[in-house]
N, C-alpha and C. Protein backbone atom coordinates (compact mmCIF):
# COMPACT_ATOMS: atom_id res chain seq x y z
N UNK A 1 0.84 -1.18 0.00
CA UNK A 1 0.00 0.00 0.00
C UNK A 1 0.88 1.24 0.00
N UNK A 2 0.53 2.18 -0.86
CA UNK A 2 1.24 3.46 -0.94
C UNK A 2 0.59 4.41 0.06
N UNK A 3 1.39 4.97 0.96
CA UNK A 3 0.87 5.90 1.97
C UNK A 3 1.43 7.29 1.70
N UNK A 4 0.52 8.25 1.57
CA UNK A 4 0.90 9.65 1.41
C UNK A 4 0.79 10.32 2.77
N UNK A 5 1.77 11.13 3.12
CA UNK A 5 1.76 11.80 4.42
C UNK A 5 0.70 12.89 4.50
N UNK A 6 0.31 13.44 3.36
CA UNK A 6 -0.71 14.48 3.29
C UNK A 6 -1.14 14.62 1.84
N UNK A 7 -2.19 15.39 1.60
CA UNK A 7 -2.58 15.59 0.20
C UNK A 7 -1.52 16.38 -0.55
N UNK A 8 -0.75 17.19 0.17
CA UNK A 8 0.31 17.96 -0.48
C UNK A 8 1.45 17.07 -1.00
N UNK A 9 1.54 15.85 -0.50
CA UNK A 9 2.61 14.95 -0.96
C UNK A 9 2.20 14.12 -2.18
N UNK A 10 0.96 14.21 -2.58
CA UNK A 10 0.49 13.42 -3.73
C UNK A 10 1.24 13.77 -5.02
N UNK A 11 1.45 15.05 -5.35
CA UNK A 11 2.10 15.37 -6.63
C UNK A 11 3.48 14.74 -6.82
N UNK A 12 4.16 14.41 -5.74
CA UNK A 12 5.49 13.79 -5.85
C UNK A 12 5.43 12.41 -6.49
N UNK A 13 4.23 11.81 -6.57
CA UNK A 13 4.06 10.47 -7.13
C UNK A 13 3.80 10.50 -8.64
N UNK A 14 3.60 11.68 -9.22
CA UNK A 14 3.36 11.79 -10.67
C UNK A 14 4.56 11.19 -11.41
N UNK A 15 4.25 10.25 -12.30
CA UNK A 15 5.29 9.63 -13.11
C UNK A 15 6.25 8.72 -12.36
N UNK A 16 5.94 8.36 -11.13
CA UNK A 16 6.85 7.56 -10.30
C UNK A 16 6.50 6.08 -10.26
N UNK A 17 5.91 5.58 -11.32
CA UNK A 17 5.58 4.16 -11.37
C UNK A 17 4.14 3.90 -11.03
N UNK A 18 3.85 2.65 -10.73
CA UNK A 18 2.47 2.26 -10.47
C UNK A 18 2.35 1.52 -9.15
N UNK A 19 1.14 1.53 -8.66
CA UNK A 19 0.81 0.74 -7.48
C UNK A 19 -0.18 -0.33 -7.95
N UNK A 20 -0.12 -1.49 -7.31
CA UNK A 20 -0.97 -2.61 -7.72
C UNK A 20 -1.87 -3.00 -6.56
N UNK A 21 -3.15 -3.09 -6.84
CA UNK A 21 -4.13 -3.43 -5.81
C UNK A 21 -4.11 -4.91 -5.48
N UNK A 22 -4.87 -5.28 -4.47
CA UNK A 22 -5.13 -6.68 -4.16
C UNK A 22 -6.09 -7.23 -5.20
N UNK A 23 -6.16 -8.56 -5.29
CA UNK A 23 -7.13 -9.21 -6.17
C UNK A 23 -8.52 -9.12 -5.54
N UNK A 24 -9.53 -8.91 -6.37
CA UNK A 24 -10.93 -8.88 -5.96
C UNK A 24 -11.67 -9.93 -6.78
N UNK A 25 -12.41 -10.82 -6.12
CA UNK A 25 -13.19 -11.83 -6.84
C UNK A 25 -14.55 -11.24 -7.25
N UNK A 26 -14.94 -11.51 -8.47
CA UNK A 26 -16.25 -11.09 -8.99
C UNK A 26 -17.19 -12.28 -8.86
N UNK A 27 -18.23 -12.12 -8.04
CA UNK A 27 -19.16 -13.22 -7.80
C UNK A 27 -20.49 -13.00 -8.51
N UNK A 28 -21.22 -14.07 -8.72
CA UNK A 28 -22.55 -13.96 -9.33
C UNK A 28 -23.47 -13.13 -8.44
N UNK A 29 -23.34 -13.27 -7.14
CA UNK A 29 -24.16 -12.49 -6.21
C UNK A 29 -23.93 -10.99 -6.40
N UNK A 30 -22.68 -10.57 -6.55
CA UNK A 30 -22.37 -9.16 -6.79
C UNK A 30 -22.99 -8.69 -8.11
N UNK A 31 -22.84 -9.51 -9.14
CA UNK A 31 -23.39 -9.17 -10.45
C UNK A 31 -24.91 -9.04 -10.37
N UNK A 32 -25.56 -9.95 -9.67
CA UNK A 32 -27.02 -9.88 -9.51
C UNK A 32 -27.44 -8.62 -8.77
N UNK A 33 -26.72 -8.27 -7.71
CA UNK A 33 -27.04 -7.04 -6.96
C UNK A 33 -26.87 -5.81 -7.86
N UNK A 34 -25.82 -5.82 -8.67
CA UNK A 34 -25.60 -4.70 -9.59
C UNK A 34 -26.74 -4.63 -10.61
N UNK A 35 -27.15 -5.78 -11.11
CA UNK A 35 -28.27 -5.83 -12.06
C UNK A 35 -29.54 -5.28 -11.43
N UNK A 36 -29.80 -5.66 -10.18
CA UNK A 36 -30.98 -5.15 -9.47
C UNK A 36 -30.90 -3.64 -9.27
N UNK A 37 -29.72 -3.15 -8.92
CA UNK A 37 -29.55 -1.72 -8.65
C UNK A 37 -29.69 -0.87 -9.92
N UNK A 38 -29.26 -1.41 -11.06
CA UNK A 38 -29.25 -0.63 -12.29
C UNK A 38 -30.40 -0.94 -13.24
N UNK A 39 -31.08 -2.05 -12.99
CA UNK A 39 -32.16 -2.46 -13.89
C UNK A 39 -31.67 -3.19 -15.13
N UNK A 40 -30.37 -3.44 -15.23
CA UNK A 40 -29.80 -4.15 -16.37
C UNK A 40 -29.72 -5.63 -16.02
N UNK A 41 -30.79 -6.36 -16.31
CA UNK A 41 -30.86 -7.78 -15.96
C UNK A 41 -30.72 -8.67 -17.19
N UNK A 42 -29.95 -8.23 -18.17
CA UNK A 42 -29.75 -9.03 -19.37
C UNK A 42 -29.22 -10.42 -18.99
N UNK A 43 -29.70 -11.44 -19.68
CA UNK A 43 -29.38 -12.82 -19.35
C UNK A 43 -27.89 -13.11 -19.34
N UNK A 44 -27.11 -12.42 -20.16
CA UNK A 44 -25.67 -12.66 -20.21
C UNK A 44 -25.01 -12.38 -18.86
N UNK A 45 -25.71 -11.58 -18.01
CA UNK A 45 -25.20 -11.24 -16.68
C UNK A 45 -25.85 -12.08 -15.58
N UNK A 46 -27.13 -12.40 -15.73
CA UNK A 46 -27.90 -12.91 -14.59
C UNK A 46 -28.44 -14.34 -14.72
N UNK A 47 -28.30 -14.96 -15.86
CA UNK A 47 -28.85 -16.31 -16.05
C UNK A 47 -27.72 -17.30 -16.37
N UNK A 48 -27.11 -17.89 -15.32
CA UNK A 48 -25.98 -18.78 -15.55
C UNK A 48 -26.28 -19.95 -16.48
N UNK A 49 -27.47 -20.52 -16.41
CA UNK A 49 -27.80 -21.67 -17.28
C UNK A 49 -27.83 -21.25 -18.75
N UNK A 50 -28.52 -20.17 -19.04
CA UNK A 50 -28.59 -19.71 -20.42
C UNK A 50 -27.22 -19.22 -20.91
N UNK A 51 -26.47 -18.56 -20.01
CA UNK A 51 -25.17 -18.02 -20.40
C UNK A 51 -24.17 -19.12 -20.76
N UNK A 52 -24.39 -20.34 -20.25
CA UNK A 52 -23.51 -21.45 -20.61
C UNK A 52 -23.51 -21.69 -22.12
N UNK A 53 -24.63 -21.39 -22.78
CA UNK A 53 -24.73 -21.58 -24.22
C UNK A 53 -24.44 -20.30 -25.01
N UNK A 54 -24.11 -19.24 -24.29
CA UNK A 54 -23.82 -17.95 -24.93
C UNK A 54 -22.39 -17.85 -25.41
N UNK A 55 -22.02 -16.67 -25.87
CA UNK A 55 -20.70 -16.49 -26.49
C UNK A 55 -19.51 -16.65 -25.54
N UNK A 56 -19.72 -16.54 -24.22
CA UNK A 56 -18.61 -16.62 -23.28
C UNK A 56 -18.63 -17.90 -22.43
N UNK A 57 -19.70 -18.69 -22.54
CA UNK A 57 -19.79 -19.94 -21.81
C UNK A 57 -20.13 -19.79 -20.34
N UNK A 58 -20.37 -18.57 -19.91
CA UNK A 58 -20.71 -18.28 -18.51
C UNK A 58 -21.24 -16.86 -18.45
N UNK A 59 -21.79 -16.49 -17.30
CA UNK A 59 -22.22 -15.10 -17.14
C UNK A 59 -20.99 -14.21 -17.05
N UNK A 60 -21.21 -12.96 -17.44
CA UNK A 60 -20.14 -11.96 -17.36
C UNK A 60 -20.64 -10.77 -16.57
N UNK A 61 -19.70 -10.05 -15.97
CA UNK A 61 -20.03 -8.83 -15.24
C UNK A 61 -20.35 -7.71 -16.23
N UNK A 62 -21.20 -6.81 -15.82
CA UNK A 62 -21.47 -5.60 -16.59
C UNK A 62 -20.17 -4.78 -16.67
N UNK A 63 -19.96 -4.10 -17.77
CA UNK A 63 -18.80 -3.22 -17.86
C UNK A 63 -18.83 -2.17 -16.77
N UNK A 64 -20.01 -1.61 -16.52
CA UNK A 64 -20.10 -0.58 -15.49
C UNK A 64 -19.91 -1.15 -14.09
N UNK A 65 -20.18 -2.44 -13.90
CA UNK A 65 -19.84 -3.08 -12.63
C UNK A 65 -18.33 -3.04 -12.44
N UNK A 66 -17.59 -3.41 -13.48
CA UNK A 66 -16.13 -3.37 -13.40
C UNK A 66 -15.66 -1.97 -13.05
N UNK A 67 -16.23 -0.98 -13.69
CA UNK A 67 -15.87 0.41 -13.41
C UNK A 67 -16.20 0.77 -11.96
N UNK A 68 -17.30 0.23 -11.44
CA UNK A 68 -17.71 0.55 -10.07
C UNK A 68 -16.77 -0.03 -9.02
N UNK A 69 -15.87 -0.91 -9.42
CA UNK A 69 -14.89 -1.46 -8.49
C UNK A 69 -13.73 -0.49 -8.22
N UNK A 70 -13.64 0.59 -8.97
CA UNK A 70 -12.52 1.53 -8.82
C UNK A 70 -12.31 1.97 -7.37
N UNK A 71 -13.37 2.35 -6.63
CA UNK A 71 -13.13 2.75 -5.23
C UNK A 71 -12.46 1.65 -4.40
N UNK A 72 -12.86 0.40 -4.60
CA UNK A 72 -12.22 -0.71 -3.87
C UNK A 72 -10.75 -0.82 -4.22
N UNK A 73 -10.44 -0.70 -5.50
CA UNK A 73 -9.04 -0.78 -5.91
C UNK A 73 -8.22 0.32 -5.25
N UNK A 74 -8.75 1.53 -5.23
CA UNK A 74 -8.02 2.66 -4.65
C UNK A 74 -7.87 2.52 -3.14
N UNK A 75 -8.95 2.17 -2.45
CA UNK A 75 -8.90 2.06 -0.99
C UNK A 75 -7.89 1.02 -0.54
N UNK A 76 -7.74 -0.03 -1.32
CA UNK A 76 -6.82 -1.10 -0.96
C UNK A 76 -5.39 -0.84 -1.46
N UNK A 77 -5.19 0.29 -2.12
CA UNK A 77 -3.89 0.57 -2.73
C UNK A 77 -3.24 1.84 -2.18
N UNK A 78 -4.06 2.83 -1.82
CA UNK A 78 -3.54 4.13 -1.37
C UNK A 78 -4.18 4.55 -0.05
N UNK A 79 -3.39 5.21 0.76
CA UNK A 79 -3.90 5.83 1.99
C UNK A 79 -3.30 7.22 2.07
N UNK A 80 -4.15 8.22 2.30
CA UNK A 80 -3.69 9.60 2.42
C UNK A 80 -3.96 10.05 3.84
N UNK A 81 -2.90 10.26 4.60
CA UNK A 81 -3.04 10.70 5.98
C UNK A 81 -3.64 12.11 6.01
N UNK A 82 -4.44 12.37 6.98
CA UNK A 82 -5.04 13.69 7.22
C UNK A 82 -5.95 14.17 6.10
N UNK A 83 -6.39 13.27 5.24
CA UNK A 83 -7.38 13.66 4.24
C UNK A 83 -8.75 13.64 4.91
N UNK A 84 -9.46 14.73 4.81
CA UNK A 84 -10.80 14.79 5.40
C UNK A 84 -11.84 14.17 4.48
N UNK A 85 -11.60 14.31 3.17
CA UNK A 85 -12.58 13.81 2.21
C UNK A 85 -11.93 13.63 0.85
N UNK A 86 -12.33 12.59 0.17
CA UNK A 86 -11.94 12.38 -1.22
C UNK A 86 -13.20 12.11 -2.01
N UNK A 87 -13.33 12.70 -3.18
CA UNK A 87 -14.52 12.48 -4.00
C UNK A 87 -14.12 12.11 -5.43
N UNK A 88 -14.96 11.29 -6.04
CA UNK A 88 -14.79 10.99 -7.46
C UNK A 88 -15.30 12.19 -8.23
N UNK A 89 -14.45 12.74 -9.09
CA UNK A 89 -14.81 13.94 -9.83
C UNK A 89 -15.18 13.62 -11.28
N UNK A 90 -14.64 12.53 -11.81
CA UNK A 90 -14.96 12.17 -13.19
C UNK A 90 -14.13 11.01 -13.69
N UNK A 91 -14.44 10.61 -14.90
CA UNK A 91 -13.74 9.51 -15.55
C UNK A 91 -13.54 9.89 -17.01
N UNK A 92 -12.35 9.63 -17.53
CA UNK A 92 -12.04 9.89 -18.93
C UNK A 92 -11.70 8.58 -19.64
N UNK A 93 -11.92 8.52 -20.92
CA UNK A 93 -11.39 7.48 -21.78
C UNK A 93 -11.60 6.06 -21.26
N UNK A 94 -12.80 5.71 -20.85
CA UNK A 94 -13.07 4.37 -20.35
C UNK A 94 -13.25 3.40 -21.52
N UNK A 95 -12.61 2.24 -21.42
CA UNK A 95 -12.78 1.17 -22.39
C UNK A 95 -12.89 -0.15 -21.64
N UNK A 96 -13.86 -0.96 -22.05
CA UNK A 96 -14.01 -2.31 -21.50
C UNK A 96 -13.45 -3.24 -22.57
N UNK A 97 -12.21 -3.65 -22.39
CA UNK A 97 -11.44 -4.29 -23.45
C UNK A 97 -11.57 -5.81 -23.51
N UNK A 98 -12.17 -6.40 -22.48
CA UNK A 98 -12.33 -7.85 -22.45
C UNK A 98 -13.41 -8.19 -21.43
N UNK A 99 -14.19 -9.26 -21.68
CA UNK A 99 -15.26 -9.60 -20.72
C UNK A 99 -14.70 -10.12 -19.40
N UNK A 100 -15.47 -9.90 -18.33
CA UNK A 100 -15.12 -10.40 -17.00
C UNK A 100 -16.07 -11.54 -16.68
N UNK A 101 -15.58 -12.76 -16.74
CA UNK A 101 -16.39 -13.93 -16.42
C UNK A 101 -16.63 -14.00 -14.91
N UNK A 102 -17.81 -14.46 -14.54
CA UNK A 102 -18.13 -14.66 -13.14
C UNK A 102 -17.07 -15.56 -12.51
N UNK A 103 -16.62 -15.19 -11.33
CA UNK A 103 -15.57 -15.94 -10.64
C UNK A 103 -14.17 -15.43 -10.93
N UNK A 104 -14.04 -14.47 -11.83
CA UNK A 104 -12.73 -13.92 -12.15
C UNK A 104 -12.14 -13.18 -10.96
N UNK A 105 -10.81 -13.13 -10.94
CA UNK A 105 -10.08 -12.32 -9.97
C UNK A 105 -9.53 -11.12 -10.72
N UNK A 106 -9.83 -9.92 -10.21
CA UNK A 106 -9.39 -8.68 -10.85
C UNK A 106 -8.49 -7.90 -9.90
N UNK A 107 -7.56 -7.16 -10.49
CA UNK A 107 -6.77 -6.20 -9.74
C UNK A 107 -6.48 -5.02 -10.65
N UNK A 108 -6.02 -3.93 -10.05
CA UNK A 108 -5.74 -2.73 -10.83
C UNK A 108 -4.29 -2.30 -10.70
N UNK A 109 -3.76 -1.85 -11.81
CA UNK A 109 -2.46 -1.18 -11.85
C UNK A 109 -2.77 0.31 -11.99
N UNK A 110 -2.34 1.07 -11.01
CA UNK A 110 -2.73 2.47 -10.93
C UNK A 110 -1.49 3.35 -10.92
N UNK A 111 -1.50 4.36 -11.78
CA UNK A 111 -0.40 5.32 -11.80
C UNK A 111 -0.97 6.74 -11.85
N UNK A 112 -0.25 7.65 -11.26
CA UNK A 112 -0.69 9.04 -11.19
C UNK A 112 -0.16 9.80 -12.40
N UNK A 113 -1.10 10.31 -13.22
CA UNK A 113 -0.73 11.03 -14.44
C UNK A 113 -0.45 12.51 -14.16
N UNK A 114 -1.31 13.13 -13.31
CA UNK A 114 -1.13 14.54 -13.01
C UNK A 114 -1.81 14.88 -11.69
N UNK A 115 -1.40 15.99 -11.13
CA UNK A 115 -1.99 16.45 -9.88
C UNK A 115 -1.89 17.97 -9.85
N UNK A 116 -3.00 18.63 -9.59
CA UNK A 116 -3.03 20.09 -9.55
C UNK A 116 -3.71 20.56 -8.27
N UNK A 117 -3.30 21.74 -7.84
CA UNK A 117 -3.90 22.35 -6.66
C UNK A 117 -5.26 22.93 -7.03
N UNK A 118 -6.25 22.70 -6.16
CA UNK A 118 -7.57 23.31 -6.29
C UNK A 118 -7.89 23.98 -4.96
N UNK A 119 -8.98 24.73 -4.89
CA UNK A 119 -9.36 25.36 -3.62
C UNK A 119 -9.49 24.30 -2.54
N UNK A 120 -8.74 24.45 -1.48
CA UNK A 120 -8.77 23.56 -0.31
C UNK A 120 -8.34 22.13 -0.59
N UNK A 121 -7.61 21.90 -1.68
CA UNK A 121 -7.21 20.52 -1.92
C UNK A 121 -6.38 20.30 -3.16
N UNK A 122 -6.45 19.07 -3.65
CA UNK A 122 -5.73 18.62 -4.84
C UNK A 122 -6.67 17.85 -5.75
N UNK A 123 -6.44 17.98 -7.04
CA UNK A 123 -7.15 17.16 -8.02
C UNK A 123 -6.13 16.28 -8.71
N UNK A 124 -6.41 14.97 -8.74
CA UNK A 124 -5.47 14.03 -9.33
C UNK A 124 -6.13 13.26 -10.46
N UNK A 125 -5.34 12.96 -11.48
CA UNK A 125 -5.78 12.16 -12.61
C UNK A 125 -4.95 10.88 -12.60
N UNK A 126 -5.66 9.75 -12.54
CA UNK A 126 -5.03 8.45 -12.40
C UNK A 126 -5.27 7.59 -13.64
N UNK A 127 -4.26 6.89 -14.07
CA UNK A 127 -4.40 5.88 -15.11
C UNK A 127 -4.64 4.55 -14.41
N UNK A 128 -5.73 3.87 -14.81
CA UNK A 128 -6.09 2.60 -14.17
C UNK A 128 -6.24 1.52 -15.24
N UNK A 129 -5.51 0.45 -15.07
CA UNK A 129 -5.62 -0.71 -15.94
C UNK A 129 -6.07 -1.88 -15.07
N UNK A 130 -7.27 -2.39 -15.35
CA UNK A 130 -7.81 -3.50 -14.57
C UNK A 130 -7.46 -4.80 -15.28
N UNK A 131 -6.79 -5.68 -14.53
CA UNK A 131 -6.33 -6.96 -15.07
C UNK A 131 -7.18 -8.10 -14.52
N UNK A 132 -7.26 -9.15 -15.29
CA UNK A 132 -7.92 -10.39 -14.87
C UNK A 132 -6.83 -11.45 -14.72
N UNK A 133 -6.84 -12.13 -13.58
CA UNK A 133 -5.82 -13.16 -13.32
C UNK A 133 -5.86 -14.22 -14.43
N UNK A 134 -4.70 -14.65 -14.85
CA UNK A 134 -4.52 -15.66 -15.89
C UNK A 134 -4.94 -15.17 -17.28
N UNK A 135 -4.94 -13.86 -17.49
CA UNK A 135 -5.24 -13.30 -18.81
C UNK A 135 -4.19 -12.25 -19.16
N UNK A 136 -3.80 -12.22 -20.41
CA UNK A 136 -2.81 -11.25 -20.86
C UNK A 136 -3.44 -9.91 -21.24
N UNK A 137 -4.76 -9.90 -21.42
CA UNK A 137 -5.44 -8.70 -21.89
C UNK A 137 -6.19 -8.03 -20.72
N UNK A 138 -6.06 -6.71 -20.56
CA UNK A 138 -6.80 -6.04 -19.51
C UNK A 138 -8.31 -6.10 -19.78
N UNK A 139 -9.11 -5.96 -18.73
CA UNK A 139 -10.56 -5.96 -18.90
C UNK A 139 -11.14 -4.55 -18.92
N UNK A 140 -10.39 -3.59 -18.39
CA UNK A 140 -10.85 -2.20 -18.39
C UNK A 140 -9.64 -1.29 -18.33
N UNK A 141 -9.70 -0.23 -19.10
CA UNK A 141 -8.67 0.80 -19.07
C UNK A 141 -9.40 2.12 -18.92
N UNK A 142 -8.99 2.90 -17.92
CA UNK A 142 -9.70 4.17 -17.66
C UNK A 142 -8.74 5.19 -17.06
N UNK A 143 -9.20 6.42 -17.10
CA UNK A 143 -8.52 7.52 -16.45
C UNK A 143 -9.55 8.09 -15.47
N UNK A 144 -9.22 8.08 -14.18
CA UNK A 144 -10.17 8.59 -13.19
C UNK A 144 -9.64 9.90 -12.62
N UNK A 145 -10.57 10.74 -12.22
CA UNK A 145 -10.24 12.04 -11.64
C UNK A 145 -10.79 12.08 -10.21
N UNK A 146 -9.91 12.39 -9.27
CA UNK A 146 -10.28 12.42 -7.86
C UNK A 146 -9.92 13.78 -7.27
N UNK A 147 -10.77 14.24 -6.37
CA UNK A 147 -10.46 15.45 -5.62
C UNK A 147 -10.25 15.07 -4.16
N UNK A 148 -9.17 15.60 -3.59
CA UNK A 148 -8.78 15.31 -2.22
C UNK A 148 -8.83 16.61 -1.41
N UNK A 149 -9.42 16.54 -0.23
CA UNK A 149 -9.53 17.72 0.62
C UNK A 149 -8.96 17.45 2.00
N UNK A 150 -8.22 18.45 2.52
CA UNK A 150 -7.62 18.32 3.85
C UNK A 150 -8.45 19.07 4.89
């Protein structure tokens, strides 16, 4: 885990490599809850029996479910001491480059692209590549924007 002493120390990490999160398992129960929350109950996500005969041989996670894992990846990878609040400000250039089969293990490679001072805090732009264990191709590539307040 990368620990920042304060939000003012975040800019020092720009271009300094990447941090790698822990693995997170994607379960059918999580996918079903996401489907219920979003109303996207397409069979490819929620019907394991039918999905066995589909193009992937199993149910797959929604692309937006994968994107919704970003907070988990960050919380398990970075800690900012004395931060009072951090908020998601936006996302750029999101691509879902490969399906996430139910039961997959995912992790993120995260690097800091830029960091600028804002009123009462910092705004950071992160490059995130979500990997699936035992696969050479990432499942999601995105740029996330976070605001940190002290």
